[in-house]
């Protein structure tokens, strides 16, 4: 007769003890501190030991991601924020904007609308352009269809999307001595430095900026 019975009972007991401890940890402790498990179980994303919530990318990575291409939102979602972003890019070439836009073939070398998308997207408000497009006529039509297009220059404000030269070029109105900032102006991001009358402005689109 084998004498391994007590040993088998002991091993079995240790296994169930180990399983019980880990099960209690996972259900009572780990889920409460693991942001990925929290998302999967429908719980609020927990704070870290320092009291700060983990990056929102944890959640978006589990729910299909975002629609902002490679440009990570970093502004504050206001007209002032978009204008500041545009001003920070003056002198740059097209590479970053076309790569982040995600479809270089659709730009066909014309990237002024792509630059506008990039600036708005950097501030988390690309939706205010009413559709992602590299086509200036399409962008203009989107504002017209939404009733947000204004002919001429009367009432123009910082952050408005300006359509120039018969709606074949788009820029951001930034006011002051800068006038407009746009991509694909002398093949780079440029400041017009011109008055309203000297820009050939057909009209402008007014984004519906978030209240507050």
N, C-alpha and C. Protein backbone atom coordinates (compact mmCIF):
# COMPACT_ATOMS: atom_id res chain seq x y z
N UNK A 1 0.85 -1.20 0.00
CA UNK A 1 0.00 0.00 0.00
C UNK A 1 0.88 1.24 0.00
N UNK A 2 0.51 2.24 -0.86
CA UNK A 2 1.34 3.43 -0.99
C UNK A 2 1.18 4.34 0.21
N UNK A 3 2.30 5.03 0.58
CA UNK A 3 2.25 5.96 1.71
C UNK A 3 2.26 7.41 1.24
N UNK A 4 1.83 7.64 -0.03
CA UNK A 4 1.84 9.02 -0.58
C UNK A 4 0.55 9.77 -0.30
N UNK A 5 -0.42 9.08 0.34
CA UNK A 5 -1.71 9.72 0.60
C UNK A 5 -1.59 11.03 1.36
N UNK A 6 -0.94 11.07 2.50
CA UNK A 6 -0.83 12.34 3.24
C UNK A 6 -0.12 13.44 2.43
N UNK A 7 0.90 13.03 1.64
CA UNK A 7 1.62 14.01 0.82
C UNK A 7 0.70 14.60 -0.24
N UNK A 8 -0.11 13.74 -0.87
CA UNK A 8 -1.03 14.21 -1.90
C UNK A 8 -2.04 15.18 -1.31
N UNK A 9 -2.53 14.86 -0.12
CA UNK A 9 -3.49 15.73 0.54
C UNK A 9 -2.85 17.08 0.83
N UNK A 10 -1.58 17.06 1.29
CA UNK A 10 -0.88 18.29 1.62
C UNK A 10 -0.68 19.15 0.38
N UNK A 11 -0.25 18.55 -0.74
CA UNK A 11 -0.03 19.28 -1.98
C UNK A 11 -1.34 19.89 -2.47
N UNK A 12 -2.42 19.09 -2.40
CA UNK A 12 -3.73 19.59 -2.82
C UNK A 12 -4.16 20.76 -1.97
N UNK A 13 -3.92 20.63 -0.66
CA UNK A 13 -4.29 21.72 0.24
C UNK A 13 -3.52 22.99 -0.05
N UNK A 14 -2.22 22.85 -0.33
CA UNK A 14 -1.40 24.01 -0.65
C UNK A 14 -1.86 24.67 -1.94
N UNK A 15 -2.26 23.82 -2.92
CA UNK A 15 -2.70 24.38 -4.19
C UNK A 15 -3.96 25.22 -3.99
N UNK A 16 -4.94 24.67 -3.25
CA UNK A 16 -6.17 25.43 -3.04
C UNK A 16 -5.93 26.68 -2.22
N UNK A 17 -4.98 26.61 -1.30
CA UNK A 17 -4.64 27.80 -0.52
C UNK A 17 -4.03 28.87 -1.41
N UNK A 18 -3.12 28.43 -2.30
CA UNK A 18 -2.49 29.36 -3.25
C UNK A 18 -3.53 29.98 -4.17
N UNK A 19 -4.44 29.13 -4.70
CA UNK A 19 -5.48 29.61 -5.61
C UNK A 19 -6.40 30.61 -4.91
N UNK A 20 -6.75 30.30 -3.66
CA UNK A 20 -7.64 31.18 -2.92
C UNK A 20 -7.03 32.55 -2.69
N UNK A 21 -5.75 32.58 -2.34
CA UNK A 21 -5.07 33.85 -2.11
C UNK A 21 -5.03 34.68 -3.38
N UNK A 22 -4.67 34.05 -4.51
CA UNK A 22 -4.58 34.78 -5.77
C UNK A 22 -5.95 35.23 -6.27
N UNK A 23 -6.97 34.39 -6.04
CA UNK A 23 -8.31 34.79 -6.46
C UNK A 23 -8.77 36.00 -5.66
N UNK A 24 -8.52 35.98 -4.35
CA UNK A 24 -8.90 37.13 -3.52
C UNK A 24 -8.15 38.38 -3.95
N UNK A 25 -6.85 38.23 -4.28
CA UNK A 25 -6.06 39.38 -4.70
C UNK A 25 -6.59 39.98 -5.99
N UNK A 26 -6.91 39.08 -6.97
CA UNK A 26 -7.37 39.58 -8.26
C UNK A 26 -8.73 40.26 -8.17
N UNK A 27 -9.62 39.73 -7.34
CA UNK A 27 -10.96 40.30 -7.28
C UNK A 27 -11.07 41.47 -6.32
N UNK A 28 -10.27 41.47 -5.27
CA UNK A 28 -10.38 42.53 -4.27
C UNK A 28 -9.33 43.62 -4.39
N UNK A 29 -8.19 43.26 -4.92
CA UNK A 29 -7.08 44.22 -4.94
C UNK A 29 -6.66 44.60 -6.34
N UNK A 30 -6.40 43.59 -7.20
CA UNK A 30 -5.77 43.87 -8.50
C UNK A 30 -6.69 44.68 -9.40
N UNK A 31 -7.96 44.29 -9.49
CA UNK A 31 -8.88 45.01 -10.35
C UNK A 31 -9.04 46.44 -9.88
N UNK A 32 -8.91 46.67 -8.59
CA UNK A 32 -9.08 48.02 -8.07
C UNK A 32 -7.92 48.93 -8.41
N UNK A 33 -6.79 48.32 -8.79
CA UNK A 33 -5.63 49.15 -9.08
C UNK A 33 -5.12 48.98 -10.50
N UNK A 34 -5.70 48.07 -11.26
CA UNK A 34 -5.26 47.81 -12.62
C UNK A 34 -6.21 48.52 -13.58
N UNK A 35 -5.77 49.58 -14.27
CA UNK A 35 -6.67 50.35 -15.14
C UNK A 35 -7.23 49.55 -16.29
N UNK A 36 -6.46 48.58 -16.82
CA UNK A 36 -6.96 47.79 -17.94
C UNK A 36 -8.11 46.89 -17.49
N UNK A 37 -7.92 46.22 -16.33
CA UNK A 37 -9.00 45.39 -15.83
C UNK A 37 -10.21 46.23 -15.44
N UNK A 38 -9.93 47.43 -14.96
CA UNK A 38 -11.03 48.32 -14.58
C UNK A 38 -11.89 48.64 -15.79
N UNK A 39 -11.24 48.92 -16.93
CA UNK A 39 -11.99 49.23 -18.15
C UNK A 39 -12.78 48.01 -18.62
N UNK A 40 -12.14 46.85 -18.60
CA UNK A 40 -12.79 45.63 -19.07
C UNK A 40 -13.98 45.24 -18.21
N UNK A 41 -13.95 45.59 -16.95
CA UNK A 41 -15.05 45.25 -16.04
C UNK A 41 -16.03 46.39 -15.86
N UNK A 42 -15.84 47.49 -16.61
CA UNK A 42 -16.77 48.59 -16.53
C UNK A 42 -16.60 49.48 -15.34
N UNK A 43 -15.48 49.35 -14.62
CA UNK A 43 -15.23 50.16 -13.45
C UNK A 43 -14.55 51.47 -13.86
N UNK A 44 -14.64 52.52 -13.04
CA UNK A 44 -13.93 53.77 -13.33
C UNK A 44 -12.43 53.53 -13.36
N UNK A 45 -11.72 54.23 -14.24
CA UNK A 45 -10.27 54.10 -14.28
C UNK A 45 -9.71 54.64 -12.97
N UNK A 46 -8.94 53.84 -12.22
CA UNK A 46 -8.46 54.26 -10.90
C UNK A 46 -7.35 55.29 -10.98
N UNK A 47 -7.12 55.95 -9.88
CA UNK A 47 -6.00 56.88 -9.79
C UNK A 47 -4.75 56.13 -9.40
N UNK A 48 -3.60 56.75 -9.66
CA UNK A 48 -2.33 56.15 -9.29
C UNK A 48 -2.04 56.46 -7.83
N UNK A 49 -0.91 55.98 -7.37
CA UNK A 49 -0.55 56.21 -5.98
C UNK A 49 -0.37 57.70 -5.69
N UNK A 50 -0.06 58.48 -6.73
CA UNK A 50 0.12 59.91 -6.56
C UNK A 50 -1.18 60.68 -6.75
N UNK A 51 -2.27 59.94 -6.97
CA UNK A 51 -3.57 60.60 -7.09
C UNK A 51 -3.90 61.09 -8.47
N UNK A 52 -3.11 60.71 -9.49
CA UNK A 52 -3.38 61.15 -10.85
C UNK A 52 -3.93 59.98 -11.67
N UNK A 53 -4.92 60.26 -12.48
CA UNK A 53 -5.50 59.22 -13.31
C UNK A 53 -4.51 58.80 -14.39
N UNK A 54 -4.47 57.49 -14.72
CA UNK A 54 -3.59 57.04 -15.80
C UNK A 54 -4.00 57.67 -17.11
N UNK A 55 -3.14 57.57 -18.09
CA UNK A 55 -3.39 58.15 -19.40
C UNK A 55 -4.67 57.61 -20.01
N UNK A 56 -5.41 58.49 -20.67
CA UNK A 56 -6.65 58.08 -21.33
C UNK A 56 -6.39 57.09 -22.45
N UNK A 57 -5.14 56.98 -22.90
CA UNK A 57 -4.81 56.07 -23.99
C UNK A 57 -5.05 54.63 -23.58
N UNK A 58 -5.04 54.35 -22.27
CA UNK A 58 -5.33 53.00 -21.80
C UNK A 58 -6.73 52.61 -22.21
N UNK A 59 -7.67 53.55 -22.00
CA UNK A 59 -9.05 53.25 -22.34
C UNK A 59 -9.29 53.28 -23.83
N UNK A 60 -8.77 54.26 -24.55
CA UNK A 60 -9.01 54.34 -25.98
C UNK A 60 -8.37 53.17 -26.71
N UNK A 61 -7.28 52.63 -26.17
CA UNK A 61 -6.64 51.49 -26.79
C UNK A 61 -7.51 50.26 -26.73
N UNK A 62 -8.44 50.19 -25.74
CA UNK A 62 -9.33 49.05 -25.60
C UNK A 62 -10.65 49.26 -26.31
N UNK A 63 -10.93 50.49 -26.71
CA UNK A 63 -12.23 50.78 -27.30
C UNK A 63 -12.11 51.25 -28.75
N UNK A 64 -11.01 50.89 -29.39
CA UNK A 64 -10.89 51.18 -30.81
C UNK A 64 -10.06 52.38 -31.15
N UNK A 65 -9.49 53.03 -30.16
CA UNK A 65 -8.59 54.15 -30.42
C UNK A 65 -9.33 55.43 -30.71
N UNK A 66 -8.58 56.43 -31.18
CA UNK A 66 -9.15 57.72 -31.46
C UNK A 66 -9.14 57.96 -32.96
N UNK A 67 -9.64 59.13 -33.38
CA UNK A 67 -9.71 59.43 -34.81
C UNK A 67 -8.71 60.50 -35.19
N UNK A 68 -7.72 60.71 -34.35
CA UNK A 68 -6.84 61.85 -34.59
C UNK A 68 -5.53 61.52 -35.26
N UNK A 69 -5.43 60.33 -35.88
CA UNK A 69 -4.20 60.00 -36.58
C UNK A 69 -3.02 60.04 -35.63
N UNK A 70 -1.87 60.52 -36.11
CA UNK A 70 -0.68 60.55 -35.28
C UNK A 70 -0.52 61.81 -34.49
N UNK A 71 -1.42 62.77 -34.67
CA UNK A 71 -1.27 64.03 -33.94
C UNK A 71 -1.97 63.94 -32.60
N UNK A 72 -1.21 63.91 -31.54
CA UNK A 72 -1.78 63.79 -30.21
C UNK A 72 -2.28 65.14 -29.73
N UNK A 73 -3.57 65.21 -29.33
CA UNK A 73 -4.10 66.49 -28.86
C UNK A 73 -3.26 67.06 -27.73
N UNK A 74 -2.92 68.34 -27.83
CA UNK A 74 -2.10 68.96 -26.80
C UNK A 74 -2.56 70.37 -26.46
N UNK A 75 -3.52 70.91 -27.22
CA UNK A 75 -4.00 72.26 -26.96
C UNK A 75 -5.21 72.26 -26.05
N UNK A 76 -5.91 73.41 -25.99
CA UNK A 76 -7.03 73.52 -25.05
C UNK A 76 -8.39 73.58 -25.72
N UNK A 77 -8.47 73.32 -27.03
CA UNK A 77 -9.75 73.24 -27.70
C UNK A 77 -10.46 74.56 -27.91
N UNK A 78 -9.74 75.66 -27.89
CA UNK A 78 -10.33 76.98 -28.10
C UNK A 78 -9.73 77.61 -29.36
N UNK A 79 -10.36 78.72 -29.80
CA UNK A 79 -9.81 79.45 -30.95
C UNK A 79 -8.40 79.92 -30.63
N UNK A 80 -8.20 80.40 -29.42
CA UNK A 80 -6.87 80.86 -29.01
C UNK A 80 -5.86 79.73 -29.06
N UNK A 81 -6.28 78.54 -28.66
CA UNK A 81 -5.38 77.39 -28.67
C UNK A 81 -4.98 76.99 -30.08
N UNK A 82 -5.94 76.99 -31.00
CA UNK A 82 -5.65 76.63 -32.39
C UNK A 82 -4.74 77.68 -33.02
N UNK A 83 -5.00 78.95 -32.74
CA UNK A 83 -4.15 80.02 -33.26
C UNK A 83 -2.72 79.87 -32.74
N UNK A 84 -2.58 79.60 -31.44
CA UNK A 84 -1.25 79.43 -30.85
C UNK A 84 -0.52 78.25 -31.48
N UNK A 85 -1.24 77.17 -31.75
CA UNK A 85 -0.64 76.00 -32.39
C UNK A 85 -0.14 76.37 -33.78
N UNK A 86 -0.96 77.07 -34.54
CA UNK A 86 -0.57 77.48 -35.90
C UNK A 86 0.68 78.37 -35.88
N UNK A 87 0.70 79.31 -34.95
CA UNK A 87 1.84 80.22 -34.87
C UNK A 87 3.13 79.47 -34.53
N UNK A 88 3.00 78.41 -33.75
CA UNK A 88 4.19 77.65 -33.35
C UNK A 88 4.79 76.84 -34.49
N UNK A 89 4.06 76.73 -35.61
CA UNK A 89 4.51 75.90 -36.74
C UNK A 89 5.09 76.71 -37.90
N UNK A 90 5.09 78.03 -37.79
CA UNK A 90 5.54 78.88 -38.90
C UNK A 90 6.97 78.51 -39.32
N UNK A 91 7.15 78.33 -40.62
CA UNK A 91 8.46 77.98 -41.17
C UNK A 91 8.65 76.51 -41.44
N UNK A 92 7.74 75.66 -40.93
CA UNK A 92 7.88 74.21 -41.11
C UNK A 92 7.40 73.76 -42.48
N UNK A 93 7.95 72.64 -42.94
CA UNK A 93 7.52 72.05 -44.21
C UNK A 93 6.38 71.07 -43.95
N UNK A 94 5.94 70.41 -45.01
CA UNK A 94 4.70 69.63 -44.97
C UNK A 94 4.77 68.27 -44.30
N UNK A 95 5.95 67.71 -44.12
CA UNK A 95 6.09 66.29 -43.77
C UNK A 95 5.25 65.86 -42.57
N UNK A 96 5.37 66.55 -41.46
CA UNK A 96 4.65 66.16 -40.24
C UNK A 96 3.14 66.16 -40.45
N UNK A 97 2.63 67.17 -41.10
CA UNK A 97 1.19 67.31 -41.25
C UNK A 97 0.60 66.23 -42.16
N UNK A 98 1.29 65.94 -43.25
CA UNK A 98 0.81 64.92 -44.17
C UNK A 98 0.91 63.54 -43.53
N UNK A 99 1.99 63.28 -42.81
CA UNK A 99 2.13 61.98 -42.15
C UNK A 99 1.05 61.77 -41.09
N UNK A 100 0.77 62.81 -40.31
CA UNK A 100 -0.25 62.70 -39.27
C UNK A 100 -1.65 62.63 -39.86
N UNK A 101 -1.84 63.27 -41.00
CA UNK A 101 -3.15 63.22 -41.67
C UNK A 101 -3.49 61.78 -42.05
N UNK A 102 -2.46 61.06 -42.46
CA UNK A 102 -2.64 59.63 -42.66
C UNK A 102 -2.97 59.16 -44.06
N UNK A 103 -3.07 60.06 -45.02
CA UNK A 103 -3.36 59.64 -46.39
C UNK A 103 -2.65 60.57 -47.37
N UNK A 104 -1.33 60.45 -47.48
CA UNK A 104 -0.55 61.37 -48.31
C UNK A 104 -1.05 61.47 -49.75
N UNK A 105 -1.55 60.37 -50.31
CA UNK A 105 -1.97 60.38 -51.70
C UNK A 105 -3.13 61.35 -51.93
N UNK A 106 -3.96 61.56 -50.91
CA UNK A 106 -5.14 62.41 -51.09
C UNK A 106 -4.79 63.89 -51.11
N UNK A 107 -3.59 64.24 -50.69
CA UNK A 107 -3.24 65.66 -50.64
C UNK A 107 -2.75 66.17 -51.97
N UNK A 108 -2.22 65.29 -52.80
CA UNK A 108 -1.76 65.65 -54.16
C UNK A 108 -0.89 66.89 -54.19
N UNK A 109 -0.07 67.06 -53.16
CA UNK A 109 0.84 68.18 -53.10
C UNK A 109 0.23 69.46 -52.56
N UNK A 110 -1.09 69.49 -52.38
CA UNK A 110 -1.76 70.66 -51.84
C UNK A 110 -2.14 70.35 -50.39
N UNK A 111 -1.51 71.01 -49.44
CA UNK A 111 -1.69 70.60 -48.05
C UNK A 111 -2.15 71.71 -47.12
N UNK A 112 -2.71 72.78 -47.66
CA UNK A 112 -3.17 73.86 -46.78
C UNK A 112 -4.33 73.40 -45.90
N UNK A 113 -5.26 72.62 -46.46
CA UNK A 113 -6.38 72.10 -45.66
C UNK A 113 -5.89 71.06 -44.66
N UNK A 114 -4.88 70.30 -45.06
CA UNK A 114 -4.30 69.31 -44.14
C UNK A 114 -3.69 70.00 -42.93
N UNK A 115 -3.01 71.12 -43.16
CA UNK A 115 -2.42 71.87 -42.05
C UNK A 115 -3.50 72.37 -41.09
N UNK A 116 -4.60 72.86 -41.64
CA UNK A 116 -5.70 73.30 -40.77
C UNK A 116 -6.23 72.16 -39.94
N UNK A 117 -6.44 70.99 -40.58
CA UNK A 117 -6.89 69.81 -39.83
C UNK A 117 -5.92 69.48 -38.70
N UNK A 118 -4.63 69.56 -38.99
CA UNK A 118 -3.61 69.22 -38.00
C UNK A 118 -3.69 70.16 -36.80
N UNK A 119 -3.83 71.46 -37.05
CA UNK A 119 -3.90 72.43 -35.95
C UNK A 119 -5.14 72.22 -35.09
N UNK A 120 -6.27 72.00 -35.73
CA UNK A 120 -7.51 71.75 -34.98
C UNK A 120 -7.41 70.43 -34.24
N UNK A 121 -6.85 69.42 -34.90
CA UNK A 121 -6.74 68.11 -34.28
C UNK A 121 -5.80 68.12 -33.08
N UNK A 122 -4.75 68.91 -33.17
CA UNK A 122 -3.82 69.04 -32.05
C UNK A 122 -4.52 69.58 -30.81
N UNK A 123 -5.60 70.30 -31.02
CA UNK A 123 -6.36 70.87 -29.92
C UNK A 123 -7.60 70.04 -29.59
N UNK A 124 -7.71 68.88 -30.24
CA UNK A 124 -8.82 67.98 -29.94
C UNK A 124 -10.16 68.42 -30.51
N UNK A 125 -10.14 69.31 -31.50
CA UNK A 125 -11.40 69.83 -32.05
C UNK A 125 -11.45 69.71 -33.58
N UNK A 126 -10.87 68.67 -34.13
CA UNK A 126 -10.90 68.48 -35.59
C UNK A 126 -12.33 68.37 -36.10
N UNK A 127 -13.23 67.92 -35.23
CA UNK A 127 -14.63 67.80 -35.63
C UNK A 127 -15.26 69.15 -36.00
N UNK A 128 -14.68 70.25 -35.53
CA UNK A 128 -15.22 71.57 -35.83
C UNK A 128 -15.04 71.95 -37.30
N UNK A 129 -14.21 71.18 -38.02
CA UNK A 129 -14.05 71.41 -39.46
C UNK A 129 -15.11 70.66 -40.25
N UNK A 130 -15.96 69.91 -39.53
CA UNK A 130 -17.15 69.27 -40.12
C UNK A 130 -16.84 68.15 -41.08
N UNK A 131 -15.65 67.61 -41.00
CA UNK A 131 -15.26 66.50 -41.86
C UNK A 131 -13.79 66.58 -42.21
N UNK A 132 -13.13 65.44 -42.27
CA UNK A 132 -11.71 65.40 -42.57
C UNK A 132 -11.50 65.39 -44.08
N UNK A 133 -10.89 66.44 -44.60
CA UNK A 133 -10.67 66.52 -46.04
C UNK A 133 -9.41 67.32 -46.34
N UNK A 134 -8.75 66.94 -47.43
CA UNK A 134 -7.58 67.69 -47.91
C UNK A 134 -7.98 68.63 -49.04
N UNK A 135 -9.27 68.65 -49.36
CA UNK A 135 -9.77 69.47 -50.46
C UNK A 135 -10.32 70.79 -49.93
N UNK A 136 -9.80 71.90 -50.42
CA UNK A 136 -10.29 73.21 -49.98
C UNK A 136 -11.74 73.45 -50.42
N UNK A 137 -12.12 73.16 -51.66
CA UNK A 137 -13.52 73.33 -52.04
C UNK A 137 -14.47 72.50 -51.18
N UNK A 138 -14.05 71.28 -50.83
CA UNK A 138 -14.89 70.44 -49.98
C UNK A 138 -15.01 71.04 -48.58
N UNK A 139 -13.90 71.54 -48.04
CA UNK A 139 -13.93 72.16 -46.72
C UNK A 139 -14.86 73.37 -46.72
N UNK A 140 -14.77 74.18 -47.76
CA UNK A 140 -15.65 75.34 -47.89
C UNK A 140 -17.10 74.90 -47.96
N UNK A 141 -17.37 73.87 -48.75
CA UNK A 141 -18.74 73.37 -48.90
C UNK A 141 -19.30 72.84 -47.59
N UNK A 142 -18.43 72.26 -46.76
CA UNK A 142 -18.89 71.74 -45.47
C UNK A 142 -19.38 72.87 -44.57
N UNK A 143 -18.65 73.97 -44.56
CA UNK A 143 -19.09 75.12 -43.77
C UNK A 143 -20.37 75.72 -44.35
N UNK A 144 -20.45 75.78 -45.68
CA UNK A 144 -21.65 76.33 -46.32
C UNK A 144 -22.87 75.48 -46.01
N UNK A 145 -22.71 74.17 -46.09
CA UNK A 145 -23.83 73.25 -45.84
C UNK A 145 -24.32 73.38 -44.40
N UNK A 146 -23.41 73.65 -43.48
CA UNK A 146 -23.77 73.76 -42.06
C UNK A 146 -24.27 75.15 -41.69
N UNK A 147 -24.27 76.06 -42.66
CA UNK A 147 -24.71 77.42 -42.38
C UNK A 147 -23.69 78.22 -41.58
N UNK A 148 -22.40 77.83 -41.69
CA UNK A 148 -21.34 78.49 -40.93
C UNK A 148 -20.36 79.23 -41.83
N UNK A 149 -20.78 79.46 -43.08
CA UNK A 149 -19.93 80.16 -44.03
C UNK A 149 -20.41 81.61 -44.17
N UNK A 150 -19.44 82.54 -44.21
CA UNK A 150 -19.77 83.95 -44.36
C UNK A 150 -18.98 84.51 -45.54
N UNK A 151 -19.69 85.12 -46.47
CA UNK A 151 -19.02 85.71 -47.63
C UNK A 151 -18.33 87.01 -47.23
N UNK A 152 -17.21 87.30 -47.89
CA UNK A 152 -16.47 88.51 -47.59
C UNK A 152 -15.68 88.41 -46.29
N UNK A 153 -15.40 89.55 -45.70
CA UNK A 153 -14.54 89.58 -44.51
C UNK A 153 -15.19 90.25 -43.29
N UNK A 154 -16.38 90.77 -43.45
CA UNK A 154 -17.03 91.46 -42.34
C UNK A 154 -17.26 90.51 -41.16
N UNK A 155 -16.83 90.95 -39.98
CA UNK A 155 -17.05 90.15 -38.76
C UNK A 155 -16.03 89.06 -38.52
N UNK A 156 -14.99 88.99 -39.33
CA UNK A 156 -14.00 87.92 -39.20
C UNK A 156 -13.33 87.98 -37.82
N UNK A 157 -13.05 86.79 -37.26
CA UNK A 157 -12.46 86.68 -35.93
C UNK A 157 -11.29 85.72 -35.94
N UNK A 158 -10.43 85.85 -34.95
CA UNK A 158 -9.31 84.92 -34.81
C UNK A 158 -9.84 83.49 -34.69
N UNK A 159 -9.23 82.59 -35.42
CA UNK A 159 -9.66 81.19 -35.40
C UNK A 159 -10.61 80.83 -36.53
N UNK A 160 -11.06 81.82 -37.30
CA UNK A 160 -11.91 81.53 -38.45
C UNK A 160 -11.08 80.89 -39.56
N UNK A 161 -11.73 80.03 -40.35
CA UNK A 161 -11.07 79.39 -41.48
C UNK A 161 -11.33 80.24 -42.73
N UNK A 162 -10.28 80.80 -43.28
CA UNK A 162 -10.39 81.73 -44.40
C UNK A 162 -10.20 81.01 -45.73
N UNK A 163 -11.05 81.36 -46.70
CA UNK A 163 -10.95 80.78 -48.05
C UNK A 163 -10.53 81.88 -49.02
N UNK A 164 -9.43 81.62 -49.71
CA UNK A 164 -8.82 82.64 -50.57
C UNK A 164 -8.74 82.20 -52.03
N UNK A 165 -8.55 83.18 -52.89
CA UNK A 165 -8.27 82.92 -54.31
C UNK A 165 -9.33 82.02 -54.94
N UNK A 166 -10.59 82.38 -54.72
CA UNK A 166 -11.66 81.59 -55.32
C UNK A 166 -11.83 80.22 -54.69
N UNK A 167 -11.62 80.15 -53.38
CA UNK A 167 -11.79 78.89 -52.63
C UNK A 167 -10.81 77.79 -53.06
N UNK A 168 -9.61 78.18 -53.42
CA UNK A 168 -8.60 77.17 -53.74
C UNK A 168 -7.47 77.15 -52.71
N UNK A 169 -7.52 78.06 -51.76
CA UNK A 169 -6.53 78.07 -50.69
C UNK A 169 -7.24 78.38 -49.38
N UNK A 170 -6.84 77.66 -48.32
CA UNK A 170 -7.46 77.85 -47.01
C UNK A 170 -6.39 78.22 -45.99
N UNK A 171 -6.76 79.10 -45.07
CA UNK A 171 -5.83 79.57 -44.05
C UNK A 171 -6.57 79.81 -42.75
N UNK A 172 -5.82 80.04 -41.70
CA UNK A 172 -6.40 80.36 -40.40
C UNK A 172 -6.23 81.85 -40.14
N UNK A 173 -7.32 82.53 -39.84
CA UNK A 173 -7.21 83.94 -39.51
C UNK A 173 -6.69 84.08 -38.09
N UNK A 174 -5.57 84.79 -37.92
CA UNK A 174 -4.97 84.96 -36.59
C UNK A 174 -4.93 86.42 -36.17
N UNK A 175 -5.31 87.33 -37.06
CA UNK A 175 -5.42 88.74 -36.72
C UNK A 175 -4.10 89.45 -36.54
N UNK A 176 -4.19 90.66 -36.02
CA UNK A 176 -3.00 91.45 -35.77
C UNK A 176 -2.23 91.73 -37.05
N UNK A 177 -0.93 91.83 -36.92
CA UNK A 177 -0.09 92.10 -38.09
C UNK A 177 0.19 90.83 -38.90
N UNK A 178 -0.19 89.66 -38.34
CA UNK A 178 0.05 88.40 -39.05
C UNK A 178 -0.99 88.15 -40.14
N UNK A 179 -2.21 88.54 -39.88
CA UNK A 179 -3.27 88.27 -40.85
C UNK A 179 -3.67 86.82 -40.84
N UNK A 180 -3.09 86.02 -41.71
CA UNK A 180 -3.39 84.59 -41.75
C UNK A 180 -2.11 83.78 -41.60
N UNK A 181 -2.31 82.53 -41.19
CA UNK A 181 -1.24 81.53 -41.20
C UNK A 181 -1.79 80.34 -41.96
N UNK A 182 -0.99 79.82 -42.88
CA UNK A 182 -1.46 78.68 -43.66
C UNK A 182 -0.32 77.78 -44.07
N UNK A 183 -0.68 76.55 -44.38
CA UNK A 183 0.28 75.61 -44.94
C UNK A 183 0.33 75.77 -46.45
N UNK A 184 1.39 75.29 -47.05
CA UNK A 184 1.56 75.32 -48.50
C UNK A 184 1.54 76.73 -49.07
N UNK A 185 2.05 77.66 -48.28
CA UNK A 185 2.23 79.03 -48.78
C UNK A 185 3.74 79.21 -48.95
N UNK A 186 4.21 79.30 -50.17
CA UNK A 186 5.65 79.25 -50.48
C UNK A 186 6.24 77.93 -50.00
N UNK A 187 5.40 76.86 -50.08
CA UNK A 187 5.79 75.49 -49.76
C UNK A 187 6.19 75.30 -48.30
N UNK A 188 5.63 76.10 -47.41
CA UNK A 188 5.86 75.95 -45.98
C UNK A 188 4.72 76.60 -45.22
N UNK A 189 4.75 76.50 -43.91
CA UNK A 189 3.77 77.21 -43.09
C UNK A 189 4.22 78.66 -43.02
N UNK A 190 3.35 79.56 -43.46
CA UNK A 190 3.74 80.96 -43.58
C UNK A 190 2.70 81.91 -43.01
N UNK A 191 3.19 83.07 -42.62
CA UNK A 191 2.34 84.17 -42.18
C UNK A 191 2.13 85.08 -43.37
N UNK A 192 0.87 85.47 -43.61
CA UNK A 192 0.61 86.33 -44.77
C UNK A 192 1.14 87.75 -44.54
N UNK A 193 0.95 88.25 -43.32
CA UNK A 193 1.41 89.60 -43.02
C UNK A 193 0.73 90.65 -43.86
N UNK A 194 -0.48 90.35 -44.33
CA UNK A 194 -1.18 91.28 -45.22
C UNK A 194 -2.51 91.70 -44.61
N UNK A 195 -3.05 92.79 -45.10
CA UNK A 195 -4.35 93.26 -44.63
C UNK A 195 -5.45 92.44 -45.29
N UNK A 196 -6.65 92.56 -44.77
CA UNK A 196 -7.78 91.81 -45.31
C UNK A 196 -7.96 92.05 -46.81
N UNK A 197 -7.82 93.30 -47.21
CA UNK A 197 -8.06 93.66 -48.61
C UNK A 197 -7.02 93.08 -49.56
N UNK A 198 -5.87 92.69 -49.02
CA UNK A 198 -4.81 92.20 -49.89
C UNK A 198 -4.70 90.70 -49.96
N UNK A 199 -5.68 89.97 -49.42
CA UNK A 199 -5.56 88.52 -49.34
C UNK A 199 -6.48 87.77 -50.30
N UNK A 200 -7.32 88.48 -51.03
CA UNK A 200 -8.20 87.79 -51.96
C UNK A 200 -9.16 86.85 -51.26
N UNK A 201 -9.70 87.26 -50.11
CA UNK A 201 -10.57 86.39 -49.31
C UNK A 201 -11.98 86.36 -49.91
N UNK A 202 -12.43 85.14 -50.23
CA UNK A 202 -13.78 84.96 -50.76
C UNK A 202 -14.80 84.91 -49.61
N UNK A 203 -14.36 84.35 -48.49
CA UNK A 203 -15.23 84.21 -47.34
C UNK A 203 -14.53 83.41 -46.26
N UNK A 204 -15.25 83.10 -45.21
CA UNK A 204 -14.64 82.35 -44.11
C UNK A 204 -15.67 81.45 -43.44
N UNK A 205 -15.16 80.39 -42.83
CA UNK A 205 -15.98 79.48 -42.04
C UNK A 205 -15.77 79.76 -40.57
N UNK A 206 -16.85 79.78 -39.81
CA UNK A 206 -16.76 80.05 -38.38
C UNK A 206 -17.02 78.75 -37.61
N UNK A 207 -15.95 78.14 -37.05
CA UNK A 207 -16.15 76.92 -36.25
C UNK A 207 -17.04 77.21 -35.04
N UNK A 208 -17.81 76.22 -34.63
CA UNK A 208 -18.64 76.36 -33.43
C UNK A 208 -17.80 75.93 -32.23
N UNK A 209 -17.09 76.89 -31.67
CA UNK A 209 -16.18 76.61 -30.56
C UNK A 209 -16.96 76.20 -29.31
N UNK A 210 -16.40 75.28 -28.52
CA UNK A 210 -17.07 74.85 -27.29
C UNK A 210 -17.32 76.06 -26.38
N UNK A 211 -18.45 76.07 -25.71
CA UNK A 211 -18.76 77.17 -24.80
C UNK A 211 -17.80 77.19 -23.64
N UNK A 212 -17.52 78.38 -23.15
CA UNK A 212 -16.64 78.52 -21.98
C UNK A 212 -15.24 78.81 -22.32
